[in-house]
């Protein structure tokens, strides 16, 4: 009787073990599915975040562009004449840089204005003051002829041992009755400007 009872109990335990093994297998499958779903969710989240960052960058660029064009179209806050709208230097790897300069004209009746721009970089080299001409450093000439605005961009390299401190920008118009522009910008300002 004891042996029969033990056989019955053993049979029940085997049935329970079999059921628990199947249940365990099903739960492991479910866990693996949830793990894959979590990975897919995380990857989707990374992609959405990257797209969002890209769209925010584009929005910032477009906002800046609209602001720029608004200043040209409705320049009521600016006095008539030439204006240095934007100057920025980017880069710096191995003393290689890129510059971007935007010149605008504010007039009641926009006429073509012609002239040239000279950009000099003032700094120190070997403990002595030194001035470098951007045009002579591979940036090319900056002659202009425009009605509303003109954008210049290019690259240049600073010589080894030169520490830039300030940039002197001189806009000389050839067109009569248009005043020139002279502006000094610190190197730090030019390399930290946004946009």
C-alpha atoms as a PDB file:
ATOM      1  CA  UNK A   1       0.000   0.000   0.000  1.00  0.00           C
ATOM      2  CA  UNK A   2       2.807   2.321   0.802  1.00  0.00           C
ATOM      3  CA  UNK A   3       4.514   1.342  -2.449  1.00  0.00           C
ATOM      4  CA  UNK A   4       1.318   2.039  -4.454  1.00  0.00           C
ATOM      5  CA  UNK A   5       0.888   5.361  -2.730  1.00  0.00           C
ATOM      6  CA  UNK A   6       4.518   6.251  -3.490  1.00  0.00           C
ATOM      7  CA  UNK A   7       4.085   5.245  -7.138  1.00  0.00           C
ATOM      8  CA  UNK A   8       1.015   7.436  -7.383  1.00  0.00           C
ATOM      9  CA  UNK A   9       2.848  10.323  -5.743  1.00  0.00           C
ATOM     10  CA  UNK A  10       5.861   9.761  -8.029  1.00  0.00           C
ATOM     11  CA  UNK A  11       3.578   9.796 -11.064  1.00  0.00           C
ATOM     12  CA  UNK A  12       2.007  13.050  -9.883  1.00  0.00           C
ATOM     13  CA  UNK A  13       5.441  14.566  -9.294  1.00  0.00           C
ATOM     14  CA  UNK A  14       6.586  13.510 -12.791  1.00  0.00           C
ATOM     15  CA  UNK A  15       3.456  15.082 -14.258  1.00  0.00           C
ATOM     16  CA  UNK A  16       4.120  18.233 -12.239  1.00  0.00           C
ATOM     17  CA  UNK A  17       7.793  18.307 -13.315  1.00  0.00           C
ATOM     18  CA  UNK A  18       6.757  17.874 -16.955  1.00  0.00           C
ATOM     19  CA  UNK A  19       4.193  20.669 -16.609  1.00  0.00           C
ATOM     20  CA  UNK A  20       6.702  22.944 -14.861  1.00  0.00           C
ATOM     21  CA  UNK A  21       9.346  22.231 -17.518  1.00  0.00           C
ATOM     22  CA  UNK A  22       6.871  23.166 -20.264  1.00  0.00           C
ATOM     23  CA  UNK A  23       5.826  26.231 -18.309  1.00  0.00           C
ATOM     24  CA  UNK A  24       9.477  27.177 -17.725  1.00  0.00           C
ATOM     25  CA  UNK A  25      10.221  26.756 -21.457  1.00  0.00           C
ATOM     26  CA  UNK A  26       7.203  28.910 -22.351  1.00  0.00           C
ATOM     27  CA  UNK A  27       8.313  31.599 -19.878  1.00  0.00           C
ATOM     28  CA  UNK A  28      11.876  31.531 -21.257  1.00  0.00           C
ATOM     29  CA  UNK A  29      10.479  31.971 -24.781  1.00  0.00           C
ATOM     30  CA  UNK A  30       8.307  34.850 -23.569  1.00  0.00           C
ATOM     31  CA  UNK A  31      11.309  36.405 -21.796  1.00  0.00           C
ATOM     32  CA  UNK A  32      13.408  36.155 -24.973  1.00  0.00           C
ATOM     33  CA  UNK A  33      10.587  37.774 -26.966  1.00  0.00           C
ATOM     34  CA  UNK A  34      10.314  40.580 -24.448  1.00  0.00           C
ATOM     35  CA  UNK A  35      14.112  41.035 -24.544  1.00  0.00           C
ATOM     36  CA  UNK A  36      14.058  41.338 -28.348  1.00  0.00           C
ATOM     37  CA  UNK A  37      11.083  43.695 -28.143  1.00  0.00           C
ATOM     38  CA  UNK A  38      13.017  45.807 -25.616  1.00  0.00           C
ATOM     39  CA  UNK A  39      16.026  45.931 -27.956  1.00  0.00           C
ATOM     40  CA  UNK A  40      13.786  46.942 -30.849  1.00  0.00           C
ATOM     41  CA  UNK A  41      12.182  49.633 -28.683  1.00  0.00           C
ATOM     42  CA  UNK A  42      15.588  50.972 -27.598  1.00  0.00           C
ATOM     43  CA  UNK A  43      16.857  51.035 -31.199  1.00  0.00           C
ATOM     44  CA  UNK A  44      13.675  52.776 -32.342  1.00  0.00           C
ATOM     45  CA  UNK A  45      14.098  55.300 -29.514  1.00  0.00           C
ATOM     46  CA  UNK A  46      17.735  55.970 -30.540  1.00  0.00           C
ATOM     47  CA  UNK A  47      16.662  56.546 -34.151  1.00  0.00           C
ATOM     48  CA  UNK A  48      13.811  58.850 -33.135  1.00  0.00           C
ATOM     49  CA  UNK A  49      16.198  60.819 -30.881  1.00  0.00           C
ATOM     50  CA  UNK A  50      18.747  61.144 -33.702  1.00  0.00           C
ATOM     51  CA  UNK A  51      16.025  62.349 -36.080  1.00  0.00           C
ATOM     52  CA  UNK A  52      14.771  64.803 -33.459  1.00  0.00           C
ATOM     53  CA  UNK A  53      18.286  66.194 -32.938  1.00  0.00           C
ATOM     54  CA  UNK A  54      18.724  66.523 -36.693  1.00  0.00           C
ATOM     55  CA  UNK A  55      15.368  68.306 -37.054  1.00  0.00           C
ATOM     56  CA  UNK A  56      16.195  70.669 -34.180  1.00  0.00           C
ATOM     57  CA  UNK A  57      19.492  71.519 -35.908  1.00  0.00           C
ATOM     58  CA  UNK A  58      17.662  72.205 -39.163  1.00  0.00           C
ATOM     59  CA  UNK A  59      15.105  74.334 -37.323  1.00  0.00           C
ATOM     60  CA  UNK A  60      17.881  76.378 -35.701  1.00  0.00           C
ATOM     61  CA  UNK A  61      19.532  76.872 -39.108  1.00  0.00           C
ATOM     62  CA  UNK A  62      16.245  77.906 -40.699  1.00  0.00           C
ATOM     63  CA  UNK A  63      15.448  80.276 -37.830  1.00  0.00           C
ATOM     64  CA  UNK A  64      18.849  81.914 -38.265  1.00  0.00           C
ATOM     65  CA  UNK A  65      18.327  82.127 -42.019  1.00  0.00           C
ATOM     66  CA  UNK A  66      14.885  83.729 -41.597  1.00  0.00           C
ATOM     67  CA  UNK A  67      16.360  86.222 -39.137  1.00  0.00           C
ATOM     68  CA  UNK A  68      19.119  87.030 -41.625  1.00  0.00           C
ATOM     69  CA  UNK A  69      16.709  87.582 -44.521  1.00  0.00           C
ATOM     70  CA  UNK A  70      14.370  89.583 -42.293  1.00  0.00           C
ATOM     71  CA  UNK A  71      17.248  91.918 -41.468  1.00  0.00           C
ATOM     72  CA  UNK A  72      17.825  92.432 -45.199  1.00  0.00           C
ATOM     73  CA  UNK A  73      14.168  92.836 -46.171  1.00  0.00           C
ATOM     74  CA  UNK A  74      13.138  95.066 -43.273  1.00  0.00           C
ATOM     75  CA  UNK A  75      16.305  96.733 -42.017  1.00  0.00           C
ATOM     76  CA  UNK A  76      14.492  99.563 -40.227  1.00  0.00           C
ATOM     77  CA  UNK A  77      16.801  99.220 -37.214  1.00  0.00           C
ATOM     78  CA  UNK A  78      19.978  99.602 -39.264  1.00  0.00           C
ATOM     79  CA  UNK A  79      21.328 102.805 -40.729  1.00  0.00           C
ATOM     80  CA  UNK A  80      21.788 102.870 -44.524  1.00  0.00           C
ATOM     81  CA  UNK A  81      25.066 101.549 -45.915  1.00  0.00           C
ATOM     82  CA  UNK A  82      27.187  98.423 -45.755  1.00  0.00           C
ATOM     83  CA  UNK A  83      27.039  96.149 -42.720  1.00  0.00           C
ATOM     84  CA  UNK A  84      29.197  93.241 -41.645  1.00  0.00           C
ATOM     85  CA  UNK A  85      26.288  90.916 -40.850  1.00  0.00           C
ATOM     86  CA  UNK A  86      28.248  87.842 -39.776  1.00  0.00           C
ATOM     87  CA  UNK A  87      31.851  86.706 -39.317  1.00  0.00           C
ATOM     88  CA  UNK A  88      32.849  83.320 -37.952  1.00  0.00           C
ATOM     89  CA  UNK A  89      35.875  81.055 -37.907  1.00  0.00           C
ATOM     90  CA  UNK A  90      35.539  77.301 -37.427  1.00  0.00           C
ATOM     91  CA  UNK A  91      37.971  74.382 -37.326  1.00  0.00           C
ATOM     92  CA  UNK A  92      41.330  74.514 -35.660  1.00  0.00           C
ATOM     93  CA  UNK A  93      42.541  70.978 -36.305  1.00  0.00           C
ATOM     94  CA  UNK A  94      46.242  71.182 -37.263  1.00  0.00           C
ATOM     95  CA  UNK A  95      45.884  74.975 -37.522  1.00  0.00           C
ATOM     96  CA  UNK A  96      43.443  74.537 -40.466  1.00  0.00           C
ATOM     97  CA  UNK A  97      40.452  76.901 -40.312  1.00  0.00           C
ATOM     98  CA  UNK A  98      37.380  77.909 -42.308  1.00  0.00           C
ATOM     99  CA  UNK A  99      35.875  81.363 -42.306  1.00  0.00           C
ATOM    100  CA  UNK A 100      32.429  82.664 -43.207  1.00  0.00           C
ATOM    101  CA  UNK A 101      31.710  86.348 -43.726  1.00  0.00           C
ATOM    102  CA  UNK A 102      28.388  87.892 -44.770  1.00  0.00           C
ATOM    103  CA  UNK A 103      28.181  91.473 -45.958  1.00  0.00           C
ATOM    104  CA  UNK A 104      24.806  93.222 -46.405  1.00  0.00           C
ATOM    105  CA  UNK A 105      23.646  96.506 -47.861  1.00  0.00           C
ATOM    106  CA  UNK A 106      20.856  98.575 -46.349  1.00  0.00           C
ATOM    107  CA  UNK A 107      19.450 101.198 -48.719  1.00  0.00           C
ATOM    108  CA  UNK A 108      16.067 102.563 -49.688  1.00  0.00           C
ATOM    109  CA  UNK A 109      16.811 101.780 -53.306  1.00  0.00           C
ATOM    110  CA  UNK A 110      19.228  98.911 -53.562  1.00  0.00           C
ATOM    111  CA  UNK A 111      21.863  99.512 -56.169  1.00  0.00           C
ATOM    112  CA  UNK A 112      24.856  97.360 -56.972  1.00  0.00           C
ATOM    113  CA  UNK A 113      27.747  98.124 -54.662  1.00  0.00           C
ATOM    114  CA  UNK A 114      31.302  97.042 -55.508  1.00  0.00           C
ATOM    115  CA  UNK A 115      34.478  96.877 -53.486  1.00  0.00           C
ATOM    116  CA  UNK A 116      36.880  94.632 -51.637  1.00  0.00           C
ATOM    117  CA  UNK A 117      37.381  93.231 -48.148  1.00  0.00           C
ATOM    118  CA  UNK A 118      40.697  92.937 -46.342  1.00  0.00           C
ATOM    119  CA  UNK A 119      40.950  90.644 -43.318  1.00  0.00           C
ATOM    120  CA  UNK A 120      44.046  90.684 -41.138  1.00  0.00           C
ATOM    121  CA  UNK A 121      44.758  88.371 -38.215  1.00  0.00           C
ATOM    122  CA  UNK A 122      46.829  89.972 -35.474  1.00  0.00           C
ATOM    123  CA  UNK A 123      48.707  87.841 -32.992  1.00  0.00           C
ATOM    124  CA  UNK A 124      52.013  86.738 -31.535  1.00  0.00           C
ATOM    125  CA  UNK A 125      54.759  84.611 -33.045  1.00  0.00           C
ATOM    126  CA  UNK A 126      58.004  83.964 -31.220  1.00  0.00           C
ATOM    127  CA  UNK A 127      57.113  86.580 -28.616  1.00  0.00           C
ATOM    128  CA  UNK A 128      56.680  89.316 -31.225  1.00  0.00           C
ATOM    129  CA  UNK A 129      53.580  90.936 -32.686  1.00  0.00           C
ATOM    130  CA  UNK A 130      52.762  89.623 -36.152  1.00  0.00           C
ATOM    131  CA  UNK A 131      50.008  90.449 -38.655  1.00  0.00           C
ATOM    132  CA  UNK A 132      48.812  87.916 -41.226  1.00  0.00           C
ATOM    133  CA  UNK A 133      46.749  88.802 -44.299  1.00  0.00           C
ATOM    134  CA  UNK A 134      43.926  86.295 -44.849  1.00  0.00           C
ATOM    135  CA  UNK A 135      44.081  86.791 -48.636  1.00  0.00           C
ATOM    136  CA  UNK A 136      47.764  85.775 -48.659  1.00  0.00           C
ATOM    137  CA  UNK A 137      47.100  82.628 -46.588  1.00  0.00           C
ATOM    138  CA  UNK A 138      45.137  80.829 -49.289  1.00  0.00           C
ATOM    139  CA  UNK A 139      41.733  82.390 -48.645  1.00  0.00           C
ATOM    140  CA  UNK A 140      41.739  84.176 -52.010  1.00  0.00           C
ATOM    141  CA  UNK A 141      40.628  87.691 -52.816  1.00  0.00           C
ATOM    142  CA  UNK A 142      37.421  89.038 -51.379  1.00  0.00           C
ATOM    143  CA  UNK A 143      36.173  91.368 -54.084  1.00  0.00           C
ATOM    144  CA  UNK A 144      32.428  91.956 -54.133  1.00  0.00           C
ATOM    145  CA  UNK A 145      29.640  93.195 -56.348  1.00  0.00           C
ATOM    146  CA  UNK A 146      26.132  92.755 -54.993  1.00  0.00           C
ATOM    147  CA  UNK A 147      22.765  94.380 -54.489  1.00  0.00           C
ATOM    148  CA  UNK A 148      21.464  92.907 -51.187  1.00  0.00           C
ATOM    149  CA  UNK A 149      24.105  90.670 -49.607  1.00  0.00           C
ATOM    150  CA  UNK A 150      27.207  88.647 -50.373  1.00  0.00           C
ATOM    151  CA  UNK A 151      28.541  85.623 -48.487  1.00  0.00           C
ATOM    152  CA  UNK A 152      32.223  84.733 -48.500  1.00  0.00           C
ATOM    153  CA  UNK A 153      33.707  81.466 -47.239  1.00  0.00           C
ATOM    154  CA  UNK A 154      37.002  79.681 -47.553  1.00  0.00           C
ATOM    155  CA  UNK A 155      39.849  78.034 -45.758  1.00  0.00           C
ATOM    156  CA  UNK A 156      43.240  79.065 -44.455  1.00  0.00           C
ATOM    157  CA  UNK A 157      46.080  77.706 -42.349  1.00  0.00           C
ATOM    158  CA  UNK A 158      47.934  79.520 -39.588  1.00  0.00           C
ATOM    159  CA  UNK A 159      51.705  79.081 -39.426  1.00  0.00           C
ATOM    160  CA  UNK A 160      53.138  76.949 -36.627  1.00  0.00           C
ATOM    161  CA  UNK A 161      53.896  78.974 -33.524  1.00  0.00           C
ATOM    162  CA  UNK A 162      51.430  81.757 -34.351  1.00  0.00           C
ATOM    163  CA  UNK A 163      48.929  82.620 -31.613  1.00  0.00           C
ATOM    164  CA  UNK A 164      45.964  84.597 -33.008  1.00  0.00           C
ATOM    165  CA  UNK A 165      44.458  87.343 -30.840  1.00  0.00           C
ATOM    166  CA  UNK A 166      42.366  89.694 -32.959  1.00  0.00           C
ATOM    167  CA  UNK A 167      40.893  90.044 -36.434  1.00  0.00           C
ATOM    168  CA  UNK A 168      40.718  93.353 -38.264  1.00  0.00           C
ATOM    169  CA  UNK A 169      38.093  93.446 -41.042  1.00  0.00           C
ATOM    170  CA  UNK A 170      38.098  96.363 -43.476  1.00  0.00           C
ATOM    171  CA  UNK A 171      35.391  96.730 -46.161  1.00  0.00           C
ATOM    172  CA  UNK A 172      36.322  99.258 -48.843  1.00  0.00           C
ATOM    173  CA  UNK A 173      33.565 100.095 -51.348  1.00  0.00           C
ATOM    174  CA  UNK A 174      34.442 101.437 -54.800  1.00  0.00           C
ATOM    175  CA  UNK A 175      30.872 102.671 -55.328  1.00  0.00           C
ATOM    176  CA  UNK A 176      30.416 106.410 -54.734  1.00  0.00           C
ATOM    177  CA  UNK A 177      28.462 107.627 -51.710  1.00  0.00           C
ATOM    178  CA  UNK A 178      28.755 104.299 -49.890  1.00  0.00           C
ATOM    179  CA  UNK A 179      30.711 104.352 -46.636  1.00  0.00           C
ATOM    180  CA  UNK A 180      33.182 101.637 -45.765  1.00  0.00           C
ATOM    181  CA  UNK A 181      33.108  99.399 -42.716  1.00  0.00           C
ATOM    182  CA  UNK A 182      35.874  98.671 -40.269  1.00  0.00           C
ATOM    183  CA  UNK A 183      35.437  96.178 -37.462  1.00  0.00           C
ATOM    184  CA  UNK A 184      37.754  94.518 -34.968  1.00  0.00           C
ATOM    185  CA  UNK A 185      36.794  91.143 -33.512  1.00  0.00           C
ATOM    186  CA  UNK A 186      38.706  89.146 -30.938  1.00  0.00           C
ATOM    187  CA  UNK A 187      39.819  85.669 -32.038  1.00  0.00           C
ATOM    188  CA  UNK A 188      37.790  84.208 -29.182  1.00  0.00           C
ATOM    189  CA  UNK A 189      34.603  85.956 -30.362  1.00  0.00           C
ATOM    190  CA  UNK A 190      35.107  84.869 -33.982  1.00  0.00           C
ATOM    191  CA  UNK A 191      35.647  81.227 -33.025  1.00  0.00           C
ATOM    192  CA  UNK A 192      32.816  81.046 -30.490  1.00  0.00           C
ATOM    193  CA  UNK A 193      30.001  82.655 -32.499  1.00  0.00           C
ATOM    194  CA  UNK A 194      27.032  80.397 -33.219  1.00  0.00           C
ATOM    195  CA  UNK A 195      25.860  79.870 -36.812  1.00  0.00           C
END
